[in-house]
C-alpha atoms as a PDB file:
ATOM      1  CA  MET A   1     -15.609 -67.563   0.373  1.00  0.00           C
ATOM      2  CA  ILE A   2     -19.204 -67.768  -0.744  1.00  0.00           C
ATOM      3  CA  GLN A   3     -21.082 -70.854   0.378  1.00  0.00           C
ATOM      4  CA  THR A   4     -24.775 -71.074  -0.541  1.00  0.00           C
ATOM      5  CA  GLN A   5     -24.950 -74.650  -1.767  1.00  0.00           C
ATOM      6  CA  ASN A   6     -27.925 -75.518   0.444  1.00  0.00           C
ATOM      7  CA  GLN A   7     -31.249 -74.049   1.420  1.00  0.00           C
ATOM      8  CA  GLN A   8     -30.279 -73.520   5.049  1.00  0.00           C
ATOM      9  CA  SER A   9     -27.221 -71.416   4.265  1.00  0.00           C
ATOM     10  CA  LEU A  10     -29.223 -69.342   1.783  1.00  0.00           C
ATOM     11  CA  ALA A  11     -32.000 -68.753   4.323  1.00  0.00           C
ATOM     12  CA  SER A  12     -29.460 -67.421   6.822  1.00  0.00           C
ATOM     13  CA  LEU A  13     -28.396 -64.618   4.473  1.00  0.00           C
ATOM     14  CA  THR A  14     -29.965 -61.154   4.447  1.00  0.00           C
ATOM     15  CA  PRO A  15     -30.123 -58.897   1.381  1.00  0.00           C
ATOM     16  CA  GLN A  16     -27.425 -56.749   3.004  1.00  0.00           C
ATOM     17  CA  SER A  17     -25.097 -59.710   3.578  1.00  0.00           C
ATOM     18  CA  ALA A  18     -25.672 -60.851  -0.004  1.00  0.00           C
ATOM     19  CA  LEU A  19     -24.620 -57.401  -1.223  1.00  0.00           C
ATOM     20  CA  HIS A  20     -21.541 -57.587   0.998  1.00  0.00           C
ATOM     21  CA  LEU A  21     -20.569 -60.893  -0.628  1.00  0.00           C
ATOM     22  CA  LEU A  22     -20.696 -59.298  -4.068  1.00  0.00           C
ATOM     23  CA  ARG A  23     -18.597 -56.341  -2.918  1.00  0.00           C
ATOM     24  CA  GLU A  24     -15.982 -58.682  -1.495  1.00  0.00           C
ATOM     25  CA  GLY A  25     -15.949 -60.764  -4.667  1.00  0.00           C
ATOM     26  CA  ASN A  26     -15.416 -57.729  -6.878  1.00  0.00           C
ATOM     27  CA  ASP A  27     -12.606 -56.530  -4.608  1.00  0.00           C
ATOM     28  CA  ARG A  28     -10.860 -59.875  -5.100  1.00  0.00           C
ATOM     29  CA  PHE A  29     -11.360 -59.676  -8.869  1.00  0.00           C
ATOM     30  CA  VAL A  30      -9.950 -56.149  -9.133  1.00  0.00           C
ATOM     31  CA  GLN A  31      -6.956 -57.046  -6.969  1.00  0.00           C
ATOM     32  CA  GLY A  32      -6.258 -60.204  -8.963  1.00  0.00           C
ATOM     33  CA  GLN A  33      -6.741 -62.377  -5.890  1.00  0.00           C
ATOM     34  CA  ARG A  34      -9.572 -64.635  -6.964  1.00  0.00           C
ATOM     35  CA  GLY A  35     -10.610 -67.202  -4.407  1.00  0.00           C
ATOM     36  CA  GLU A  36      -9.546 -70.801  -4.810  1.00  0.00           C
ATOM     37  CA  ARG A  37     -12.426 -73.153  -5.442  1.00  0.00           C
ATOM     38  CA  ASP A  38     -12.837 -76.763  -6.486  1.00  0.00           C
ATOM     39  CA  LEU A  39     -15.255 -76.549  -9.410  1.00  0.00           C
ATOM     40  CA  ARG A  40     -15.557 -80.321  -9.682  1.00  0.00           C
ATOM     41  CA  ARG A  41     -16.635 -80.426  -6.032  1.00  0.00           C
ATOM     42  CA  GLN A  42     -19.116 -77.624  -6.674  1.00  0.00           C
ATOM     43  CA  VAL A  43     -20.558 -79.616  -9.567  1.00  0.00           C
ATOM     44  CA  ARG A  44     -21.217 -82.488  -7.163  1.00  0.00           C
ATOM     45  CA  GLU A  45     -22.596 -80.253  -4.417  1.00  0.00           C
ATOM     46  CA  THR A  46     -25.047 -78.509  -6.737  1.00  0.00           C
ATOM     47  CA  SER A  47     -26.133 -81.602  -8.671  1.00  0.00           C
ATOM     48  CA  ASP A  48     -29.287 -82.055  -6.565  1.00  0.00           C
ATOM     49  CA  GLY A  49     -30.305 -78.388  -6.389  1.00  0.00           C
ATOM     50  CA  GLN A  50     -29.235 -74.786  -6.594  1.00  0.00           C
ATOM     51  CA  TRP A  51     -29.461 -72.005  -4.011  1.00  0.00           C
ATOM     52  CA  PRO A  52     -28.105 -68.812  -5.615  1.00  0.00           C
ATOM     53  CA  PHE A  53     -28.047 -65.846  -3.238  1.00  0.00           C
ATOM     54  CA  ALA A  54     -28.376 -63.186  -5.978  1.00  0.00           C
ATOM     55  CA  ALA A  55     -29.968 -62.665  -9.376  1.00  0.00           C
ATOM     56  CA  ILE A  56     -27.936 -60.387 -11.631  1.00  0.00           C
ATOM     57  CA  LEU A  57     -29.380 -58.737 -14.733  1.00  0.00           C
ATOM     58  CA  SER A  58     -26.449 -57.593 -16.830  1.00  0.00           C
ATOM     59  CA  CYS A  59     -25.571 -56.733 -20.403  1.00  0.00           C
ATOM     60  CA  MET A  60     -24.415 -59.407 -22.858  1.00  0.00           C
ATOM     61  CA  ASP A  61     -21.118 -57.515 -23.244  1.00  0.00           C
ATOM     62  CA  SER A  62     -18.258 -60.040 -23.257  1.00  0.00           C
ATOM     63  CA  ARG A  63     -16.333 -58.008 -20.661  1.00  0.00           C
ATOM     64  CA  THR A  64     -19.141 -58.036 -18.111  1.00  0.00           C
ATOM     65  CA  SER A  65     -19.478 -61.634 -16.960  1.00  0.00           C
ATOM     66  CA  ALA A  66     -21.061 -61.494 -13.499  1.00  0.00           C
ATOM     67  CA  GLU A  67     -19.492 -64.776 -12.436  1.00  0.00           C
ATOM     68  CA  LEU A  68     -16.018 -63.422 -13.162  1.00  0.00           C
ATOM     69  CA  ILE A  69     -16.241 -59.825 -11.960  1.00  0.00           C
ATOM     70  CA  PHE A  70     -17.847 -60.890  -8.665  1.00  0.00           C
ATOM     71  CA  ASP A  71     -15.584 -63.934  -8.276  1.00  0.00           C
ATOM     72  CA  LEU A  72     -18.488 -66.357  -8.069  1.00  0.00           C
ATOM     73  CA  GLY A  73     -18.605 -70.127  -8.228  1.00  0.00           C
ATOM     74  CA  LEU A  74     -21.158 -72.625  -9.493  1.00  0.00           C
ATOM     75  CA  GLY A  75     -24.499 -72.210  -7.791  1.00  0.00           C
ATOM     76  CA  ASP A  76     -23.795 -68.762  -6.330  1.00  0.00           C
ATOM     77  CA  ALA A  77     -25.936 -66.520  -8.554  1.00  0.00           C
ATOM     78  CA  PHE A  78     -28.487 -66.473 -11.325  1.00  0.00           C
ATOM     79  CA  SER A  79     -27.096 -64.611 -14.327  1.00  0.00           C
ATOM     80  CA  ILE A  80     -29.522 -63.016 -16.789  1.00  0.00           C
ATOM     81  CA  ARG A  81     -27.821 -61.352 -19.738  1.00  0.00           C
ATOM     82  CA  LEU A  82     -29.446 -59.172 -22.374  1.00  0.00           C
ATOM     83  CA  ALA A  83     -28.058 -56.342 -24.470  1.00  0.00           C
ATOM     84  CA  GLY A  84     -28.455 -53.104 -22.536  1.00  0.00           C
ATOM     85  CA  ASN A  85     -29.587 -54.998 -19.396  1.00  0.00           C
ATOM     86  CA  CYS A  86     -33.139 -54.072 -20.360  1.00  0.00           C
ATOM     87  CA  VAL A  87     -36.286 -55.554 -18.864  1.00  0.00           C
ATOM     88  CA  ASN A  88     -38.971 -57.575 -20.632  1.00  0.00           C
ATOM     89  CA  ASP A  89     -41.538 -60.146 -19.509  1.00  0.00           C
ATOM     90  CA  ASP A  90     -39.061 -63.012 -19.734  1.00  0.00           C
ATOM     91  CA  VAL A  91     -36.578 -61.168 -17.539  1.00  0.00           C
ATOM     92  CA  LEU A  92     -39.283 -60.406 -14.980  1.00  0.00           C
ATOM     93  CA  GLY A  93     -40.420 -64.027 -14.906  1.00  0.00           C
ATOM     94  CA  SER A  94     -36.838 -65.193 -14.432  1.00  0.00           C
ATOM     95  CA  LEU A  95     -36.265 -62.764 -11.555  1.00  0.00           C
ATOM     96  CA  GLU A  96     -39.530 -63.797  -9.924  1.00  0.00           C
ATOM     97  CA  TYR A  97     -38.468 -67.436 -10.102  1.00  0.00           C
ATOM     98  CA  ALA A  98     -35.094 -66.611  -8.583  1.00  0.00           C
ATOM     99  CA  CYS A  99     -36.488 -64.668  -5.635  1.00  0.00           C
ATOM    100  CA  GLN A 100     -39.923 -66.132  -4.933  1.00  0.00           C
ATOM    101  CA  VAL A 101     -39.267 -69.791  -5.740  1.00  0.00           C
ATOM    102  CA  VAL A 102     -35.573 -70.327  -5.014  1.00  0.00           C
ATOM    103  CA  GLY A 103     -35.143 -67.606  -2.397  1.00  0.00           C
ATOM    104  CA  SER A 104     -32.421 -65.343  -3.814  1.00  0.00           C
ATOM    105  CA  LYS A 105     -31.952 -62.309  -1.584  1.00  0.00           C
ATOM    106  CA  LEU A 106     -30.682 -59.700  -4.019  1.00  0.00           C
ATOM    107  CA  VAL A 107     -31.554 -58.410  -7.490  1.00  0.00           C
ATOM    108  CA  VAL A 108     -28.765 -56.469  -9.169  1.00  0.00           C
ATOM    109  CA  VAL A 109     -29.212 -54.476 -12.378  1.00  0.00           C
ATOM    110  CA  LEU A 110     -25.665 -54.181 -13.682  1.00  0.00           C
ATOM    111  CA  GLY A 111     -24.764 -51.609 -16.315  1.00  0.00           C
ATOM    112  CA  HIS A 112     -21.286 -51.043 -17.661  1.00  0.00           C
ATOM    113  CA  SER A 113     -19.165 -48.308 -19.189  1.00  0.00           C
ATOM    114  CA  SER A 114     -18.947 -48.041 -22.986  1.00  0.00           C
ATOM    115  CA  CYS A 115     -22.185 -49.976 -23.455  1.00  0.00           C
ATOM    116  CA  GLY A 116     -22.738 -50.591 -27.162  1.00  0.00           C
ATOM    117  CA  ALA A 117     -26.493 -51.050 -26.797  1.00  0.00           C
ATOM    118  CA  VAL A 118     -26.973 -47.732 -25.036  1.00  0.00           C
ATOM    119  CA  THR A 119     -24.653 -46.049 -27.542  1.00  0.00           C
ATOM    120  CA  GLY A 120     -26.813 -47.446 -30.333  1.00  0.00           C
ATOM    121  CA  ALA A 121     -29.968 -46.130 -28.663  1.00  0.00           C
ATOM    122  CA  CYS A 122     -28.407 -42.680 -28.269  1.00  0.00           C
ATOM    123  CA  ASN A 123     -27.493 -42.684 -31.955  1.00  0.00           C
ATOM    124  CA  GLY A 124     -30.885 -43.931 -33.136  1.00  0.00           C
ATOM    125  CA  VAL A 125     -29.510 -47.137 -34.671  1.00  0.00           C
ATOM    126  CA  LYS A 126     -31.977 -49.211 -36.730  1.00  0.00           C
ATOM    127  CA  LEU A 127     -31.057 -52.841 -37.480  1.00  0.00           C
ATOM    128  CA  GLY A 128     -33.515 -55.699 -37.791  1.00  0.00           C
ATOM    129  CA  ASN A 129     -34.736 -57.053 -34.470  1.00  0.00           C
ATOM    130  CA  LEU A 130     -32.170 -54.923 -32.648  1.00  0.00           C
ATOM    131  CA  THR A 131     -34.360 -51.885 -33.392  1.00  0.00           C
ATOM    132  CA  LYS A 132     -37.103 -53.121 -31.055  1.00  0.00           C
ATOM    133  CA  LEU A 133     -34.630 -53.912 -28.300  1.00  0.00           C
ATOM    134  CA  LEU A 134     -33.030 -50.459 -28.487  1.00  0.00           C
ATOM    135  CA  CYS A 135     -36.473 -48.868 -28.223  1.00  0.00           C
ATOM    136  CA  ARG A 136     -36.622 -50.249 -24.676  1.00  0.00           C
ATOM    137  CA  LEU A 137     -33.664 -48.008 -23.842  1.00  0.00           C
ATOM    138  CA  GLN A 138     -35.303 -44.837 -25.159  1.00  0.00           C
ATOM    139  CA  PRO A 139     -36.724 -43.765 -21.757  1.00  0.00           C
ATOM    140  CA  ALA A 140     -33.157 -43.561 -20.437  1.00  0.00           C
ATOM    141  CA  VAL A 141     -32.116 -41.479 -23.461  1.00  0.00           C
ATOM    142  CA  ASP A 142     -35.069 -39.164 -22.883  1.00  0.00           C
ATOM    143  CA  ALA A 143     -34.174 -38.800 -19.195  1.00  0.00           C
ATOM    144  CA  THR A 144     -30.642 -37.759 -20.089  1.00  0.00           C
ATOM    145  CA  ILE A 145     -31.922 -35.237 -22.621  1.00  0.00           C
ATOM    146  CA  ARG A 146     -34.060 -33.651 -19.893  1.00  0.00           C
ATOM    147  CA  GLU A 147     -31.158 -33.585 -17.421  1.00  0.00           C
ATOM    148  CA  SER A 148     -28.373 -32.644 -19.832  1.00  0.00           C
ATOM    149  CA  SER A 149     -29.840 -30.576 -22.639  1.00  0.00           C
ATOM    150  CA  ASP A 150     -26.444 -28.962 -23.184  1.00  0.00           C
ATOM    151  CA  LEU A 151     -24.786 -32.224 -24.241  1.00  0.00           C
ATOM    152  CA  ALA A 152     -24.704 -33.672 -27.740  1.00  0.00           C
ATOM    153  CA  THR A 153     -26.622 -36.953 -27.769  1.00  0.00           C
ATOM    154  CA  SER A 154     -23.777 -38.693 -29.598  1.00  0.00           C
ATOM    155  CA  GLY A 155     -21.075 -37.512 -27.183  1.00  0.00           C
ATOM    156  CA  PRO A 156     -19.336 -39.862 -24.716  1.00  0.00           C
ATOM    157  CA  GLU A 157     -20.503 -37.982 -21.610  1.00  0.00           C
ATOM    158  CA  PHE A 158     -24.123 -38.144 -22.755  1.00  0.00           C
ATOM    159  CA  VAL A 159     -23.789 -41.884 -23.408  1.00  0.00           C
ATOM    160  CA  GLU A 160     -22.255 -42.580 -19.992  1.00  0.00           C
ATOM    161  CA  ARG A 161     -24.992 -40.625 -18.222  1.00  0.00           C
ATOM    162  CA  THR A 162     -27.589 -42.537 -20.217  1.00  0.00           C
ATOM    163  CA  ILE A 163     -26.036 -45.862 -19.192  1.00  0.00           C
ATOM    164  CA  VAL A 164     -26.598 -44.949 -15.532  1.00  0.00           C
ATOM    165  CA  ASN A 165     -30.113 -43.688 -16.248  1.00  0.00           C
ATOM    166  CA  ASN A 166     -30.839 -46.968 -17.995  1.00  0.00           C
ATOM    167  CA  VAL A 167     -29.912 -48.898 -14.849  1.00  0.00           C
ATOM    168  CA  PHE A 168     -32.329 -46.795 -12.815  1.00  0.00           C
ATOM    169  CA  HIS A 169     -35.018 -47.184 -15.488  1.00  0.00           C
ATOM    170  CA  SER A 170     -34.623 -50.976 -15.427  1.00  0.00           C
ATOM    171  CA  ILE A 171     -35.019 -50.958 -11.640  1.00  0.00           C
ATOM    172  CA  GLU A 172     -38.180 -48.868 -12.004  1.00  0.00           C
ATOM    173  CA  GLU A 173     -39.510 -51.317 -14.585  1.00  0.00           C
ATOM    174  CA  ILE A 174     -38.902 -54.256 -12.242  1.00  0.00           C
ATOM    175  CA  ARG A 175     -40.706 -52.578  -9.361  1.00  0.00           C
ATOM    176  CA  THR A 176     -43.570 -51.288 -11.484  1.00  0.00           C
ATOM    177  CA  ARG A 177     -44.236 -54.373 -13.579  1.00  0.00           C
ATOM    178  CA  SER A 178     -43.632 -57.148 -11.037  1.00  0.00           C
ATOM    179  CA  GLU A 179     -46.044 -57.288  -8.129  1.00  0.00           C
ATOM    180  CA  VAL A 180     -44.131 -60.310  -6.834  1.00  0.00           C
ATOM    181  CA  LEU A 181     -40.753 -58.576  -6.637  1.00  0.00           C
ATOM    182  CA  ARG A 182     -42.235 -55.321  -5.400  1.00  0.00           C
ATOM    183  CA  GLY A 183     -43.921 -57.164  -2.561  1.00  0.00           C
ATOM    184  CA  LEU A 184     -40.769 -59.074  -1.613  1.00  0.00           C
ATOM    185  CA  GLU A 185     -38.802 -55.847  -1.496  1.00  0.00           C
ATOM    186  CA  GLN A 186     -41.435 -54.078   0.590  1.00  0.00           C
ATOM    187  CA  ASP A 187     -41.367 -56.992   3.041  1.00  0.00           C
ATOM    188  CA  GLY A 188     -37.577 -56.773   3.322  1.00  0.00           C
ATOM    189  CA  ALA A 189     -37.057 -60.235   1.842  1.00  0.00           C
ATOM    190  CA  ILE A 190     -34.991 -58.874  -1.049  1.00  0.00           C
ATOM    191  CA  GLU A 191     -33.271 -55.703  -2.171  1.00  0.00           C
ATOM    192  CA  ILE A 192     -33.194 -54.399  -5.743  1.00  0.00           C
ATOM    193  CA  VAL A 193     -30.030 -52.435  -6.433  1.00  0.00           C
ATOM    194  CA  GLY A 194     -28.194 -50.918  -9.372  1.00  0.00           C
ATOM    195  CA  ALA A 195     -24.497 -51.070 -10.154  1.00  0.00           C
ATOM    196  CA  MET A 196     -22.005 -49.909 -12.755  1.00  0.00           C
ATOM    197  CA  HIS A 197     -19.079 -51.978 -13.997  1.00  0.00           C
ATOM    198  CA  ASP A 198     -16.040 -50.100 -15.323  1.00  0.00           C
ATOM    199  CA  VAL A 199     -14.677 -52.217 -18.170  1.00  0.00           C
ATOM    200  CA  ALA A 200     -11.312 -50.425 -17.950  1.00  0.00           C
ATOM    201  CA  THR A 201     -10.638 -51.271 -14.294  1.00  0.00           C
ATOM    202  CA  GLY A 202     -13.005 -54.135 -13.496  1.00  0.00           C
ATOM    203  CA  ASN A 203     -14.396 -52.174 -10.558  1.00  0.00           C
ATOM    204  CA  VAL A 204     -18.112 -52.328  -9.749  1.00  0.00           C
ATOM    205  CA  GLU A 205     -19.714 -49.312  -8.075  1.00  0.00           C
ATOM    206  CA  PHE A 206     -23.094 -49.865  -6.476  1.00  0.00           C
ATOM    207  CA  LEU A 207     -25.443 -46.964  -7.083  1.00  0.00           C
ATOM    208  CA  PRO A 208     -27.462 -45.124  -4.434  1.00  0.00           C
ATOM    209  CA  VAL A 209     -30.630 -46.967  -3.496  1.00  0.00           C
ATOM    210  CA  THR A 210     -33.762 -45.400  -4.997  1.00  0.00           C
ATOM    211  CA  ASP A 211     -37.327 -45.619  -3.693  1.00  0.00           C
END
């Protein structure tokens, strides 16, 4: 069971052990064997401070709640949710706070199958303020076009490939635009990883680490 309710226990974790905790939590979720935890006790234990071991940038999709799919409790992880798990200045500032100030060991960019935001970007959807958000996903669409010129941009296979490319693009944005996070990763203090959540099975697959 995850225990990071104090600064000492958080400091003892490595980025690799933090990743292992998430893998174990997702295994429990998929198997329907969620860990028993006293949430009222966790409220008391975290009332004076929080020491989350991971910061997870995920989509706002209602099926992709990081706390549920990784079987997390109160105080275990920062959860940042935005349609299409895209990166902007507010996201970067939040991740920098999590890792530099609090000491979180792991940044996870979590995409998911059947992502409506990425589907909208592939289809060129225009709708109020959503239009600007979907424009942030265009680099992933363009990458898929270059890799898969034989696929129709509105087809399901194209969309799924773009969802993965969008995860990698978000990781690149974090590394490129945040000197703080880039430095922490280069020093080995954190890892920045990508993952895909299958909304049909609940399973999370961590993607190969990229430089």
